[in-house]
Amino acid sequence: MITGIDHIVIAAHSLERAIETYRNLGFTVVEGGKHPYGSYNALIGFADGSYIELLSFYEASPAHPWWALLQERGGGLIDFCLATDDIRSDLAAFRSHGVDCGELTEGGRARPDGYEVRWINNKVGGEWQGLIPFIIEDVTPRDQRLPGEREHANGVTGIQTLSLATADVARYADVMSAVIGADAEAATDVAARASGVCIDAGGHRLAYLAPDRDDGPLAAHLAANRAAPFSVSFRTAAEARRFGPAETEGVRIELV
């Protein structure tokens, strides 16, 4: 069963610069550790149990699915992951709707303190990548994968909505609605000049949006990138703010 957004992935050419950027935005950023396949990360944990993964590469890794995305797009919000307590059943559900899910593999990373975090996950390929999440189930305790520091100077407490840009809302939203078991509701993003549907995922929201106009921000995003995550909003107990891609390593962020 899907339990909510586990994390979102923001790729950057320089992890050190991304860490500095997000600290300057008021987030508490902690080192995550190295993966054995060329990538390493830093993490921003939230009170709602979700987190941001800031990811880069410490060595060339052309076999890694995110390596090419980083080179092609220059970074930004490239993927997202949903947590599940029954990964095999949820994987089968995605496959039954034709999603290219990949096989389950065991992943892991060594934290800076030497603790080896382990999990099981898949990768989503082809036209589904970035619009249909990969899913994850922990082998070691989940709290060991997440950063313990979850308070932020900007007051952020968790993810509210992840917006996804596509010219074919129904195709992707129908899959997510069926797998999660939640009805899709009409959604509009006036600032993005886009509309579509919104689906509840364990207290978080996934908004699948298509452009209403050819001259809007979401239309420009689709023209410059393949269909992919567009923006993310976070719940905050402090001041509502909006940050553009130039301020955030390529991500549209809103604190609400």
C-alpha atoms as a PDB file:
ATOM      1  CA  MET A   1       0.000   0.000   0.000  1.00  0.00           C
ATOM      2  CA  ILE A   2       1.285   3.473  -0.915  1.00  0.00           C
ATOM      3  CA  THR A   3       1.729   5.561   2.240  1.00  0.00           C
ATOM      4  CA  GLY A   4       2.779   8.928   0.761  1.00  0.00           C
ATOM      5  CA  ILE A   5       5.641  10.777  -0.873  1.00  0.00           C
ATOM      6  CA  ASP A   6       8.900   9.350   0.399  1.00  0.00           C
ATOM      7  CA  HIS A   7      11.177  11.922  -1.218  1.00  0.00           C
ATOM      8  CA  ILE A   8      11.767  14.126  -4.229  1.00  0.00           C
ATOM      9  CA  VAL A   9      15.065  14.148  -6.126  1.00  0.00           C
ATOM     10  CA  ILE A  10      16.857  17.371  -7.064  1.00  0.00           C
ATOM     11  CA  ALA A  11      19.981  16.799  -9.175  1.00  0.00           C
ATOM     12  CA  ALA A  12      22.848  19.282  -9.339  1.00  0.00           C
ATOM     13  CA  HIS A  13      26.272  19.360 -10.963  1.00  0.00           C
ATOM     14  CA  SER A  14      27.799  20.475  -7.667  1.00  0.00           C
ATOM     15  CA  LEU A  15      26.492  18.945  -4.442  1.00  0.00           C
ATOM     16  CA  GLU A  16      28.450  21.461  -2.381  1.00  0.00           C
ATOM     17  CA  ARG A  17      26.820  24.374  -4.185  1.00  0.00           C
ATOM     18  CA  ALA A  18      23.356  22.805  -3.851  1.00  0.00           C
ATOM     19  CA  ILE A  19      23.873  22.386  -0.105  1.00  0.00           C
ATOM     20  CA  GLU A  20      24.846  26.049   0.229  1.00  0.00           C
ATOM     21  CA  THR A  21      21.901  27.142  -1.922  1.00  0.00           C
ATOM     22  CA  TYR A  22      19.323  25.305   0.161  1.00  0.00           C
ATOM     23  CA  ARG A  23      20.833  26.380   3.445  1.00  0.00           C
ATOM     24  CA  ASN A  24      20.554  29.976   2.226  1.00  0.00           C
ATOM     25  CA  LEU A  25      16.860  29.298   1.529  1.00  0.00           C
ATOM     26  CA  GLY A  26      16.375  28.413   5.195  1.00  0.00           C
ATOM     27  CA  PHE A  27      16.507  24.611   4.991  1.00  0.00           C
ATOM     28  CA  THR A  28      18.493  22.431   7.373  1.00  0.00           C
ATOM     29  CA  VAL A  29      20.675  20.265   5.113  1.00  0.00           C
ATOM     30  CA  VAL A  30      22.624  17.226   6.321  1.00  0.00           C
ATOM     31  CA  GLU A  31      25.085  15.002   4.490  1.00  0.00           C
ATOM     32  CA  GLY A  32      23.500  11.767   3.330  1.00  0.00           C
ATOM     33  CA  GLY A  33      26.440   9.698   2.134  1.00  0.00           C
ATOM     34  CA  LYS A  34      27.781   7.860  -0.893  1.00  0.00           C
ATOM     35  CA  HIS A  35      26.061   5.269  -3.036  1.00  0.00           C
ATOM     36  CA  PRO A  36      28.258   2.532  -4.532  1.00  0.00           C
ATOM     37  CA  TYR A  37      27.206   3.493  -8.061  1.00  0.00           C
ATOM     38  CA  GLY A  38      28.811   6.925  -8.416  1.00  0.00           C
ATOM     39  CA  SER A  39      26.312   9.246  -6.756  1.00  0.00           C
ATOM     40  CA  TYR A  40      26.210  10.947  -3.379  1.00  0.00           C
ATOM     41  CA  ASN A  41      23.649  13.101  -1.653  1.00  0.00           C
ATOM     42  CA  ALA A  42      22.565  15.500   1.033  1.00  0.00           C
ATOM     43  CA  LEU A  43      19.151  15.389   2.657  1.00  0.00           C
ATOM     44  CA  ILE A  44      16.497  17.804   3.890  1.00  0.00           C
ATOM     45  CA  GLY A  45      14.089  16.030   6.231  1.00  0.00           C
ATOM     46  CA  PHE A  46      10.606  17.179   7.205  1.00  0.00           C
ATOM     47  CA  ALA A  47       8.294  16.643  10.157  1.00  0.00           C
ATOM     48  CA  ASP A  48       5.763  14.875   7.910  1.00  0.00           C
ATOM     49  CA  GLY A  49       8.305  12.106   7.184  1.00  0.00           C
ATOM     50  CA  SER A  50       9.146  13.132   3.623  1.00  0.00           C
ATOM     51  CA  TYR A  51      12.440  14.603   2.482  1.00  0.00           C
ATOM     52  CA  ILE A  52      14.389  16.229  -0.339  1.00  0.00           C
ATOM     53  CA  GLU A  53      17.342  14.368  -1.794  1.00  0.00           C
ATOM     54  CA  LEU A  54      19.974  16.703  -3.232  1.00  0.00           C
ATOM     55  CA  LEU A  55      21.954  14.451  -5.533  1.00  0.00           C
ATOM     56  CA  SER A  56      25.132  14.730  -7.558  1.00  0.00           C
ATOM     57  CA  PHE A  57      27.914  12.425  -8.763  1.00  0.00           C
ATOM     58  CA  TYR A  58      31.396  11.992  -7.321  1.00  0.00           C
ATOM     59  CA  GLU A  59      32.478  10.133 -10.462  1.00  0.00           C
ATOM     60  CA  ALA A  60      31.142   9.665 -13.988  1.00  0.00           C
ATOM     61  CA  SER A  61      28.285   7.154 -13.961  1.00  0.00           C
ATOM     62  CA  PRO A  62      26.738   6.867 -17.458  1.00  0.00           C
ATOM     63  CA  ALA A  63      24.856   3.676 -16.491  1.00  0.00           C
ATOM     64  CA  HIS A  64      22.965   5.543 -13.750  1.00  0.00           C
ATOM     65  CA  PRO A  65      19.495   6.623 -14.991  1.00  0.00           C
ATOM     66  CA  TRP A  66      19.859  10.089 -13.432  1.00  0.00           C
ATOM     67  CA  TRP A  67      23.305  10.731 -14.932  1.00  0.00           C
ATOM     68  CA  ALA A  68      21.859  11.331 -18.391  1.00  0.00           C
ATOM     69  CA  LEU A  69      19.002  13.433 -16.982  1.00  0.00           C
ATOM     70  CA  LEU A  70      21.490  15.687 -15.216  1.00  0.00           C
ATOM     71  CA  GLN A  71      23.560  16.122 -18.367  1.00  0.00           C
ATOM     72  CA  GLU A  72      20.499  16.697 -20.578  1.00  0.00           C
ATOM     73  CA  ARG A  73      18.547  19.056 -18.311  1.00  0.00           C
ATOM     74  CA  GLY A  74      21.306  20.625 -16.298  1.00  0.00           C
ATOM     75  CA  GLY A  75      19.739  19.555 -13.040  1.00  0.00           C
ATOM     76  CA  GLY A  76      16.599  20.456 -11.161  1.00  0.00           C
ATOM     77  CA  LEU A  77      13.643  18.397 -10.000  1.00  0.00           C
ATOM     78  CA  ILE A  78      14.069  15.144 -11.925  1.00  0.00           C
ATOM     79  CA  ASP A  79      12.211  12.392 -10.059  1.00  0.00           C
ATOM     80  CA  PHE A  80      10.131  11.411  -7.052  1.00  0.00           C
ATOM     81  CA  CYS A  81       9.582   8.366  -4.892  1.00  0.00           C
ATOM     82  CA  LEU A  82       6.543   7.033  -3.039  1.00  0.00           C
ATOM     83  CA  ALA A  83       6.833   4.982   0.142  1.00  0.00           C
ATOM     84  CA  THR A  84       5.072   1.631   0.356  1.00  0.00           C
ATOM     85  CA  ASP A  85       4.589  -1.045   2.984  1.00  0.00           C
ATOM     86  CA  ASP A  86       4.037  -3.747   0.321  1.00  0.00           C
ATOM     87  CA  ILE A  87       6.392  -3.021  -2.542  1.00  0.00           C
ATOM     88  CA  ARG A  88       5.767  -6.213  -4.490  1.00  0.00           C
ATOM     89  CA  SER A  89       2.008  -5.716  -4.622  1.00  0.00           C
ATOM     90  CA  ASP A  90       2.367  -2.067  -5.614  1.00  0.00           C
ATOM     91  CA  LEU A  91       4.959  -2.927  -8.257  1.00  0.00           C
ATOM     92  CA  ALA A  92       2.550  -5.488  -9.722  1.00  0.00           C
ATOM     93  CA  ALA A  93      -0.215  -2.874  -9.717  1.00  0.00           C
ATOM     94  CA  PHE A  94       1.895  -0.407 -11.695  1.00  0.00           C
ATOM     95  CA  ARG A  95       2.892  -3.130 -14.154  1.00  0.00           C
ATOM     96  CA  SER A  96      -0.742  -4.134 -14.643  1.00  0.00           C
ATOM     97  CA  HIS A  97      -1.286  -0.619 -16.041  1.00  0.00           C
ATOM     98  CA  GLY A  98       1.591  -0.932 -18.483  1.00  0.00           C
ATOM     99  CA  VAL A  99       4.216   1.055 -16.577  1.00  0.00           C
ATOM    100  CA  ASP A 100       7.867   0.223 -17.329  1.00  0.00           C
ATOM    101  CA  CYS A 101       8.822  -0.408 -13.714  1.00  0.00           C
ATOM    102  CA  GLY A 102      12.092  -2.288 -13.834  1.00  0.00           C
ATOM    103  CA  GLU A 103      13.052  -5.022 -11.397  1.00  0.00           C
ATOM    104  CA  LEU A 104      13.340  -4.655  -7.648  1.00  0.00           C
ATOM    105  CA  THR A 105      16.937  -4.188  -6.572  1.00  0.00           C
ATOM    106  CA  GLU A 106      18.578  -3.644  -3.215  1.00  0.00           C
ATOM    107  CA  GLY A 107      20.110  -0.211  -2.837  1.00  0.00           C
ATOM    108  CA  GLY A 108      22.097   1.437  -0.131  1.00  0.00           C
ATOM    109  CA  ARG A 109      24.541   4.093   0.938  1.00  0.00           C
ATOM    110  CA  ALA A 110      27.137   4.576   3.644  1.00  0.00           C
ATOM    111  CA  ARG A 111      26.247   7.477   5.938  1.00  0.00           C
ATOM    112  CA  PRO A 112      29.098   9.747   7.069  1.00  0.00           C
ATOM    113  CA  ASP A 113      29.019   7.973  10.461  1.00  0.00           C
ATOM    114  CA  GLY A 114      29.631   4.624   8.756  1.00  0.00           C
ATOM    115  CA  TYR A 115      26.123   3.197   9.158  1.00  0.00           C
ATOM    116  CA  GLU A 116      25.009   1.268   6.064  1.00  0.00           C
ATOM    117  CA  VAL A 117      21.449   2.185   5.082  1.00  0.00           C
ATOM    118  CA  ARG A 118      19.691  -0.452   2.945  1.00  0.00           C
ATOM    119  CA  TRP A 119      16.425  -0.515   1.006  1.00  0.00           C
ATOM    120  CA  ILE A 120      14.603  -2.134  -1.922  1.00  0.00           C
ATOM    121  CA  ASN A 121      13.430  -0.048  -4.851  1.00  0.00           C
ATOM    122  CA  ASN A 122      12.802  -0.070  -8.586  1.00  0.00           C
ATOM    123  CA  LYS A 123      13.455   2.389 -11.376  1.00  0.00           C
ATOM    124  CA  VAL A 124      10.833   3.675 -13.783  1.00  0.00           C
ATOM    125  CA  GLY A 125      11.883   3.934 -17.415  1.00  0.00           C
ATOM    126  CA  GLY A 126      11.007   5.459 -20.746  1.00  0.00           C
ATOM    127  CA  GLU A 127       8.089   7.865 -21.077  1.00  0.00           C
ATOM    128  CA  TRP A 128       6.937   7.028 -17.544  1.00  0.00           C
ATOM    129  CA  GLN A 129      10.078   8.306 -15.785  1.00  0.00           C
ATOM    130  CA  GLY A 130       9.500  11.468 -13.769  1.00  0.00           C
ATOM    131  CA  LEU A 131       5.713  11.233 -14.045  1.00  0.00           C
ATOM    132  CA  ILE A 132       5.149   7.858 -12.399  1.00  0.00           C
ATOM    133  CA  PRO A 133       7.198   7.433  -9.221  1.00  0.00           C
ATOM    134  CA  PHE A 134       9.623   4.754  -8.326  1.00  0.00           C
ATOM    135  CA  ILE A 135       8.722   3.063  -5.047  1.00  0.00           C
ATOM    136  CA  ILE A 136      10.786   2.119  -2.031  1.00  0.00           C
ATOM    137  CA  GLU A 137      10.622  -0.177   0.984  1.00  0.00           C
ATOM    138  CA  ASP A 138      13.234  -0.141   3.729  1.00  0.00           C
ATOM    139  CA  VAL A 139      15.442  -3.042   4.788  1.00  0.00           C
ATOM    140  CA  THR A 140      17.117  -1.155   7.625  1.00  0.00           C
ATOM    141  CA  PRO A 141      14.791   0.972   9.797  1.00  0.00           C
ATOM    142  CA  ARG A 142      13.363   3.898   7.834  1.00  0.00           C
ATOM    143  CA  ASP A 143      14.373   6.423  10.494  1.00  0.00           C
ATOM    144  CA  GLN A 144      17.994   5.499   9.787  1.00  0.00           C
ATOM    145  CA  ARG A 145      17.568   6.620   6.149  1.00  0.00           C
ATOM    146  CA  LEU A 146      15.962   9.961   7.020  1.00  0.00           C
ATOM    147  CA  PRO A 147      17.811  12.873   8.624  1.00  0.00           C
ATOM    148  CA  GLY A 148      16.994  13.370  12.285  1.00  0.00           C
ATOM    149  CA  GLU A 149      17.117  17.162  11.993  1.00  0.00           C
ATOM    150  CA  ARG A 150      13.673  18.170  10.714  1.00  0.00           C
ATOM    151  CA  GLU A 151      13.266  21.785  11.815  1.00  0.00           C
ATOM    152  CA  HIS A 152      14.007  24.611   9.397  1.00  0.00           C
ATOM    153  CA  ALA A 153      14.555  28.339   9.696  1.00  0.00           C
ATOM    154  CA  ASN A 154      11.976  28.880   6.931  1.00  0.00           C
ATOM    155  CA  GLY A 155       9.335  26.993   8.950  1.00  0.00           C
ATOM    156  CA  VAL A 156       8.772  24.208   6.404  1.00  0.00           C
ATOM    157  CA  THR A 157       7.085  21.135   7.901  1.00  0.00           C
ATOM    158  CA  GLY A 158       6.537  18.974   4.821  1.00  0.00           C
ATOM    159  CA  ILE A 159       5.541  18.579   1.215  1.00  0.00           C
ATOM    160  CA  GLN A 160       2.088  19.780   0.201  1.00  0.00           C
ATOM    161  CA  THR A 161       1.871  19.337  -3.589  1.00  0.00           C
ATOM    162  CA  LEU A 162       4.168  17.968  -6.258  1.00  0.00           C
ATOM    163  CA  SER A 163       3.082  19.265  -9.666  1.00  0.00           C
ATOM    164  CA  LEU A 164       3.879  17.236 -12.778  1.00  0.00           C
ATOM    165  CA  ALA A 165       3.839  18.602 -16.321  1.00  0.00           C
ATOM    166  CA  THR A 166       2.375  16.526 -19.138  1.00  0.00           C
ATOM    167  CA  ALA A 167       0.375  17.031 -22.309  1.00  0.00           C
ATOM    168  CA  ASP A 168      -1.609  13.863 -21.467  1.00  0.00           C
ATOM    169  CA  VAL A 169      -3.018  14.280 -17.960  1.00  0.00           C
ATOM    170  CA  ALA A 170      -5.437  11.359 -18.140  1.00  0.00           C
ATOM    171  CA  ARG A 171      -2.815   8.776 -19.066  1.00  0.00           C
ATOM    172  CA  TYR A 172      -0.663   9.291 -15.993  1.00  0.00           C
ATOM    173  CA  ALA A 173      -3.309  10.410 -13.529  1.00  0.00           C
ATOM    174  CA  ASP A 174      -5.478   7.374 -14.267  1.00  0.00           C
ATOM    175  CA  VAL A 175      -2.581   5.058 -13.383  1.00  0.00           C
ATOM    176  CA  MET A 176      -1.827   6.870 -10.131  1.00  0.00           C
ATOM    177  CA  SER A 177      -5.464   7.083  -9.131  1.00  0.00           C
ATOM    178  CA  ALA A 178      -5.946   3.348  -9.675  1.00  0.00           C
ATOM    179  CA  VAL A 179      -2.773   2.253  -7.873  1.00  0.00           C
ATOM    180  CA  ILE A 180      -3.234   4.561  -4.892  1.00  0.00           C
ATOM    181  CA  GLY A 181      -6.981   4.009  -4.745  1.00  0.00           C
ATOM    182  CA  ALA A 182      -7.858   7.700  -4.588  1.00  0.00           C
ATOM    183  CA  ASP A 183     -10.185   9.706  -6.798  1.00  0.00           C
ATOM    184  CA  ALA A 184      -8.751  12.464  -8.973  1.00  0.00           C
ATOM    185  CA  GLU A 185     -10.184  15.952  -8.476  1.00  0.00           C
ATOM    186  CA  ALA A 186     -10.053  18.920 -10.824  1.00  0.00           C
ATOM    187  CA  ALA A 187      -7.098  21.246 -10.226  1.00  0.00           C
ATOM    188  CA  THR A 188      -6.000  24.606 -11.607  1.00  0.00           C
ATOM    189  CA  ASP A 189      -2.661  26.410 -11.286  1.00  0.00           C
ATOM    190  CA  VAL A 190      -3.284  30.013 -12.295  1.00  0.00           C
ATOM    191  CA  ALA A 191       0.381  31.044 -12.035  1.00  0.00           C
ATOM    192  CA  ALA A 192       1.474  28.156 -14.280  1.00  0.00           C
ATOM    193  CA  ARG A 193      -1.456  28.778 -16.647  1.00  0.00           C
ATOM    194  CA  ALA A 194      -2.304  25.123 -16.408  1.00  0.00           C
ATOM    195  CA  SER A 195      -5.060  22.773 -15.285  1.00  0.00           C
ATOM    196  CA  GLY A 196      -5.566  19.086 -14.709  1.00  0.00           C
ATOM    197  CA  VAL A 197      -6.259  16.858 -11.733  1.00  0.00           C
ATOM    198  CA  CYS A 198      -4.996  16.375  -8.196  1.00  0.00           C
ATOM    199  CA  ILE A 199      -4.679  13.034  -6.365  1.00  0.00           C
ATOM    200  CA  ASP A 200      -4.177  12.560  -2.624  1.00  0.00           C
ATOM    201  CA  ALA A 201      -1.218  10.318  -1.772  1.00  0.00           C
ATOM    202  CA  GLY A 202      -1.061   9.707   1.948  1.00  0.00           C
ATOM    203  CA  GLY A 203      -1.612  13.341   2.887  1.00  0.00           C
ATOM    204  CA  HIS A 204       0.522  14.689   0.057  1.00  0.00           C
ATOM    205  CA  ARG A 205      -0.891  15.736  -3.294  1.00  0.00           C
ATOM    206  CA  LEU A 206       0.149  14.873  -6.836  1.00  0.00           C
ATOM    207  CA  ALA A 207      -1.081  17.386  -9.404  1.00  0.00           C
ATOM    208  CA  TYR A 208      -0.950  16.336 -13.068  1.00  0.00           C
ATOM    209  CA  LEU A 209      -1.163  19.506 -15.143  1.00  0.00           C
ATOM    210  CA  ALA A 210      -1.324  20.406 -18.836  1.00  0.00           C
ATOM    211  CA  PRO A 211      -0.901  23.914 -20.289  1.00  0.00           C
ATOM    212  CA  ASP A 212      -3.988  26.078 -20.755  1.00  0.00           C
ATOM    213  CA  ARG A 213      -2.022  28.493 -22.928  1.00  0.00           C
ATOM    214  CA  ASP A 214       1.029  28.280 -25.156  1.00  0.00           C
ATOM    215  CA  ASP A 215       2.704  31.261 -23.474  1.00  0.00           C
ATOM    216  CA  GLY A 216       2.516  30.053 -19.865  1.00  0.00           C
ATOM    217  CA  PRO A 217       5.320  28.775 -17.587  1.00  0.00           C
ATOM    218  CA  LEU A 218       4.190  25.161 -17.746  1.00  0.00           C
ATOM    219  CA  ALA A 219       4.011  25.257 -21.542  1.00  0.00           C
ATOM    220  CA  ALA A 220       7.545  26.659 -21.616  1.00  0.00           C
ATOM    221  CA  HIS A 221       8.687  23.920 -19.253  1.00  0.00           C
ATOM    222  CA  LEU A 222       7.301  21.235 -21.552  1.00  0.00           C
ATOM    223  CA  ALA A 223       8.878  22.873 -24.576  1.00  0.00           C
ATOM    224  CA  ALA A 224      12.310  22.917 -22.936  1.00  0.00           C
ATOM    225  CA  ASN A 225      12.109  19.510 -21.228  1.00  0.00           C
ATOM    226  CA  ARG A 226      10.347  16.249 -21.761  1.00  0.00           C
ATOM    227  CA  ALA A 227       7.299  15.717 -19.547  1.00  0.00           C
ATOM    228  CA  ALA A 228       8.588  15.822 -15.987  1.00  0.00           C
ATOM    229  CA  PRO A 229       8.100  17.239 -12.491  1.00  0.00           C
ATOM    230  CA  PHE A 230       7.330  20.955 -12.722  1.00  0.00           C
ATOM    231  CA  SER A 231       7.182  22.415  -9.212  1.00  0.00           C
ATOM    232  CA  VAL A 232       6.770  21.617  -5.534  1.00  0.00           C
ATOM    233  CA  SER A 233       4.992  23.418  -2.712  1.00  0.00           C
ATOM    234  CA  PHE A 234       5.837  22.983   0.948  1.00  0.00           C
ATOM    235  CA  ARG A 235       3.777  23.639   4.050  1.00  0.00           C
ATOM    236  CA  THR A 236       5.351  26.263   6.265  1.00  0.00           C
ATOM    237  CA  ALA A 237       4.567  27.668   9.690  1.00  0.00           C
ATOM    238  CA  ALA A 238       6.351  30.877   8.712  1.00  0.00           C
ATOM    239  CA  GLU A 239       6.158  33.351   5.831  1.00  0.00           C
ATOM    240  CA  ALA A 240       4.682  32.226   2.516  1.00  0.00           C
ATOM    241  CA  ARG A 241       7.252  32.675  -0.246  1.00  0.00           C
ATOM    242  CA  ARG A 242       7.968  31.710  -3.840  1.00  0.00           C
ATOM    243  CA  PHE A 243      11.375  30.908  -5.317  1.00  0.00           C
ATOM    244  CA  GLY A 244      12.251  30.654  -8.999  1.00  0.00           C
ATOM    245  CA  PRO A 245      14.603  28.197 -10.723  1.00  0.00           C
ATOM    246  CA  ALA A 246      17.524  30.653 -10.687  1.00  0.00           C
ATOM    247  CA  GLU A 247      17.448  30.642  -6.873  1.00  0.00           C
ATOM    248  CA  THR A 248      17.039  26.904  -6.284  1.00  0.00           C
ATOM    249  CA  GLU A 249      19.263  24.885  -8.642  1.00  0.00           C
ATOM    250  CA  GLY A 250      16.502  24.797 -11.232  1.00  0.00           C
ATOM    251  CA  VAL A 251      13.377  24.114  -9.128  1.00  0.00           C
ATOM    252  CA  ARG A 252      10.130  26.095  -8.814  1.00  0.00           C
ATOM    253  CA  ILE A 253       9.369  26.155  -5.085  1.00  0.00           C
ATOM    254  CA  GLU A 254       6.519  27.691  -3.128  1.00  0.00           C
ATOM    255  CA  LEU A 255       6.154  27.862   0.648  1.00  0.00           C
ATOM    256  CA  VAL A 256       2.456  28.005   1.561  1.00  0.00           C
END
